[in-house]
Protein backbone atom coordinates (compact mmCIF):
# COMPACT_ATOMS: atom_id res chain seq x y z
CA UNK A 1 66.16 84.35 38.43
CA UNK A 2 68.18 87.56 38.95
CA UNK A 3 66.43 90.25 40.54
CA UNK A 4 66.33 93.29 38.69
CA UNK A 5 68.16 96.58 40.68
CA UNK A 6 66.73 98.90 42.34
CA UNK A 7 67.92 101.75 39.65
CA UNK A 8 65.37 103.81 37.85
CA UNK A 9 64.81 103.09 33.77
CA UNK A 10 67.40 104.61 31.09
CA UNK A 11 65.61 105.54 28.49
CA UNK A 12 68.58 107.34 26.55
CA UNK A 13 72.27 107.62 27.13
CA UNK A 14 74.30 110.32 26.71
CA UNK A 15 77.58 111.25 25.59
CA UNK A 16 79.52 114.69 26.40
CA UNK A 17 81.15 116.21 23.41
CA UNK A 18 83.71 118.86 24.02
CA UNK A 19 83.77 122.83 22.65
CA UNK A 20 86.77 123.78 20.65
CA UNK A 21 87.55 125.65 23.48
CA UNK A 22 87.66 122.25 26.06
CA UNK A 23 84.92 123.03 27.58
CA UNK A 24 82.39 120.24 28.05
CA UNK A 25 78.81 120.27 26.24
CA UNK A 26 75.76 118.62 28.38
CA UNK A 27 72.66 117.18 26.73
CA UNK A 28 69.58 117.17 29.14
CA UNK A 29 66.78 115.39 28.44
CA UNK A 30 64.03 116.16 26.46
CA UNK A 31 60.84 118.31 28.31
CA UNK A 32 58.27 115.39 27.38
CA UNK A 33 60.72 112.02 28.60
CA UNK A 34 59.53 110.01 30.78
CA UNK A 35 61.11 109.38 34.32
CA UNK A 36 60.12 106.74 36.81
CA UNK A 37 59.10 108.00 40.24
CA UNK A 38 57.67 104.61 41.43
CA UNK A 39 59.30 101.44 42.41
CA UNK A 40 60.91 99.29 39.88
CA UNK A 41 58.34 96.33 38.42
CA UNK A 42 59.92 93.32 38.82
CA UNK A 43 58.77 89.36 37.47
CA UNK A 44 55.29 89.27 36.05
CA UNK A 45 54.29 92.60 37.37
CA UNK A 46 55.10 93.73 34.38
CA UNK A 47 51.91 92.50 32.85
CA UNK A 48 49.47 93.87 35.42
CA UNK A 49 47.69 97.08 34.15
CA UNK A 50 48.78 100.34 36.08
CA UNK A 51 46.03 102.25 37.63
CA UNK A 52 46.95 105.10 35.58
CA UNK A 53 45.85 103.27 32.20
CA UNK A 54 42.74 102.12 33.57
CA UNK A 55 40.46 105.32 32.47
CA UNK A 56 41.86 105.59 29.30
CA UNK A 57 41.47 102.32 28.15
CA UNK A 58 38.75 102.44 26.20
CA UNK A 59 40.29 105.11 23.99
CA UNK A 60 43.16 102.33 23.27
CA UNK A 61 40.85 100.14 21.70
CA UNK A 62 40.34 103.03 18.48
CA UNK A 63 37.43 105.07 17.66
CA UNK A 64 34.54 104.37 14.63
CA UNK A 65 36.66 105.42 11.92
CA UNK A 66 39.21 102.68 12.77
CA UNK A 67 36.30 99.92 13.18
CA UNK A 68 34.84 101.32 10.05
CA UNK A 69 38.29 101.12 7.88
CA UNK A 70 39.13 97.80 9.42
CA UNK A 71 35.64 96.46 8.53
CA UNK A 72 35.78 97.84 4.91
CA UNK A 73 39.02 96.60 4.08
CA UNK A 74 37.54 93.12 5.38
CA UNK A 75 34.90 93.07 3.21
CA UNK A 76 36.98 94.46 0.50
CA UNK A 77 39.54 91.64 0.95
CA UNK A 78 36.19 89.00 1.32
CA UNK A 79 34.88 90.27 -2.33
CA UNK A 80 38.40 90.22 -4.35
CA UNK A 81 38.97 86.55 -3.33
CA UNK A 82 35.81 85.15 -4.55
CA UNK A 83 33.01 86.73 -2.70
CA UNK A 84 31.62 88.54 -5.54
CA UNK A 85 31.43 84.47 -6.74
CA UNK A 86 29.63 83.69 -3.40
CA UNK A 87 26.84 86.53 -3.24
CA UNK A 88 26.23 86.11 -7.79
CA UNK A 89 25.65 82.40 -6.86
CA UNK A 90 23.56 82.59 -3.61
CA UNK A 91 19.80 81.59 -3.47
CA UNK A 92 18.42 83.44 -0.82
CA UNK A 93 14.99 82.80 0.39
CA UNK A 94 13.13 85.99 -0.60
CA UNK A 95 14.67 85.50 -4.19
CA UNK A 96 14.03 81.38 -4.82
CA UNK A 97 12.04 80.71 -8.12
CA UNK A 98 9.05 82.68 -8.91
CA UNK A 99 5.61 80.95 -8.21
CA UNK A 100 4.11 82.05 -11.30
CA UNK A 101 6.78 82.35 -14.04
CA UNK A 102 5.27 82.35 -17.36
CA UNK A 103 7.80 82.58 -20.46
CA UNK A 104 7.23 83.19 -24.30
CA UNK A 105 9.46 81.20 -26.53
CA UNK A 106 9.69 79.77 -30.32
CA UNK A 107 8.09 82.58 -31.54
CA UNK A 108 8.37 82.34 -35.77
CA UNK A 109 6.52 84.60 -38.73
CA UNK A 110 6.53 83.94 -41.96
CA UNK A 111 4.27 85.04 -44.85
CA UNK A 112 2.00 83.15 -47.05
CA UNK A 113 1.07 84.87 -50.35
CA UNK A 114 -0.51 81.34 -52.31
CA UNK A 115 -3.84 83.21 -51.87
CA UNK A 116 -5.01 86.86 -53.21
CA UNK A 117 -4.70 87.73 -49.39
CA UNK A 118 -1.48 87.44 -48.26
CA UNK A 119 -1.36 86.13 -44.47
CA UNK A 120 1.24 86.54 -41.64
CA UNK A 121 1.58 83.10 -39.72
CA UNK A 122 2.50 83.71 -35.83
CA UNK A 123 3.54 80.14 -34.40
CA UNK A 124 5.47 79.95 -31.22
CA UNK A 125 4.71 78.42 -27.43
CA UNK A 126 3.96 79.87 -23.58
CA UNK A 127 6.04 77.83 -21.04
CA UNK A 128 5.35 78.00 -17.08
CA UNK A 129 8.49 77.71 -15.46
CA UNK A 130 7.05 78.43 -12.04
CA UNK A 131 6.52 75.99 -9.14
CA UNK A 132 2.55 76.66 -9.07
CA UNK A 133 -0.60 76.75 -11.35
CA UNK A 134 -0.64 79.91 -13.24
CA UNK A 135 -3.51 81.23 -15.36
CA UNK A 136 -2.74 82.04 -19.02
CA UNK A 137 -3.88 85.62 -20.12
CA UNK A 138 -4.28 86.61 -23.41
CA UNK A 139 -1.52 87.13 -26.30
CA UNK A 140 -0.67 90.52 -27.46
CA UNK A 141 0.70 90.35 -31.07
CA UNK A 142 2.19 93.41 -32.64
CA UNK A 143 3.30 93.89 -35.85
CA UNK A 144 5.27 96.89 -36.84
CA UNK A 145 4.87 97.41 -40.69
CA UNK A 146 7.61 98.77 -42.86
CA UNK A 147 6.08 102.19 -43.05
CA UNK A 148 6.76 102.22 -39.31
CA UNK A 149 2.23 101.87 -38.18
CA UNK A 150 1.95 99.20 -35.20
CA UNK A 151 -0.95 96.62 -35.41
CA UNK A 152 -2.18 95.18 -32.40
CA UNK A 153 -3.91 92.28 -32.75
CA UNK A 154 -5.14 90.00 -29.06
CA UNK A 155 -4.95 86.24 -29.21
CA UNK A 156 -7.65 84.87 -26.52
CA UNK A 157 -6.09 81.88 -24.41
CA UNK A 158 -9.78 80.80 -23.36
CA UNK A 159 -8.62 81.34 -19.60
CA UNK A 160 -6.49 78.15 -19.81
CA UNK A 161 -3.96 77.21 -16.64
CA UNK A 162 -0.62 75.65 -16.97
CA UNK A 163 0.71 73.43 -14.45
CA UNK A 164 4.77 73.64 -13.75
CA UNK A 165 6.79 72.50 -16.22
CA UNK A 166 3.50 72.82 -19.17
CA UNK A 167 3.73 74.15 -22.16
CA UNK A 168 0.77 76.03 -24.60
CA UNK A 169 1.52 76.03 -28.45
CA UNK A 170 -0.06 78.82 -29.95
CA UNK A 171 -0.81 80.02 -33.68
CA UNK A 172 -2.33 82.70 -35.47
CA UNK A 173 -2.84 84.11 -39.06
CA UNK A 174 -2.69 87.78 -39.25
CA UNK A 175 -3.91 90.25 -42.47
CA UNK A 176 -0.36 91.25 -43.90
CA UNK A 177 0.16 94.70 -43.74
CA UNK A 178 0.68 96.56 -47.54
CA UNK A 179 3.80 98.20 -46.69
CA UNK A 180 5.64 94.72 -46.00
CA UNK A 181 6.49 93.31 -42.21
CA UNK A 182 9.57 94.66 -40.56
CA UNK A 183 8.97 93.21 -36.92
CA UNK A 184 6.56 91.02 -34.85
CA UNK A 185 6.89 90.56 -30.85
CA UNK A 186 4.74 88.29 -28.78
CA UNK A 187 3.71 90.06 -25.64
CA UNK A 188 1.29 89.00 -22.15
CA UNK A 189 -1.42 91.26 -22.89
CA UNK A 190 -3.57 92.11 -19.64
């Protein structure tokens, strides 16, 4: 391996340009240029850190804004490349199926006007979609008439409990509002 000569490092080459009158211009190095005054570095010594760079080594690793921006870019790349689907479909320990999950479904209503007083029939079922035994609260039926008046009815469930996966069918006969029925809704009472 050839050894480097003891010459200083040349960071620019100069060219002499002559004036119109024949006298040469001379270019001097810029004020901020680095001129080496130490012995030349040879071989693998160039990989060692100099003593002058040790105190500022922490500053060369970037500040908090640099790292925040870098982490933000990494998070954005993760999100765009499919991370949103992973987060949306993730099942977290705290977000597992609730133990008590009662659901009202299949609510139907019909009017029976065969007798002297027309009746409103409301049918449906309550299902336990949870993972534990649940006490069934009373059901609250709200009937809105065409005139805008809302009448509330309570349907008792006798304090019945539903096991996971079990359903409870309900049916109720109610007095028909005089102006007709606009909507019927069933919710859990308190």
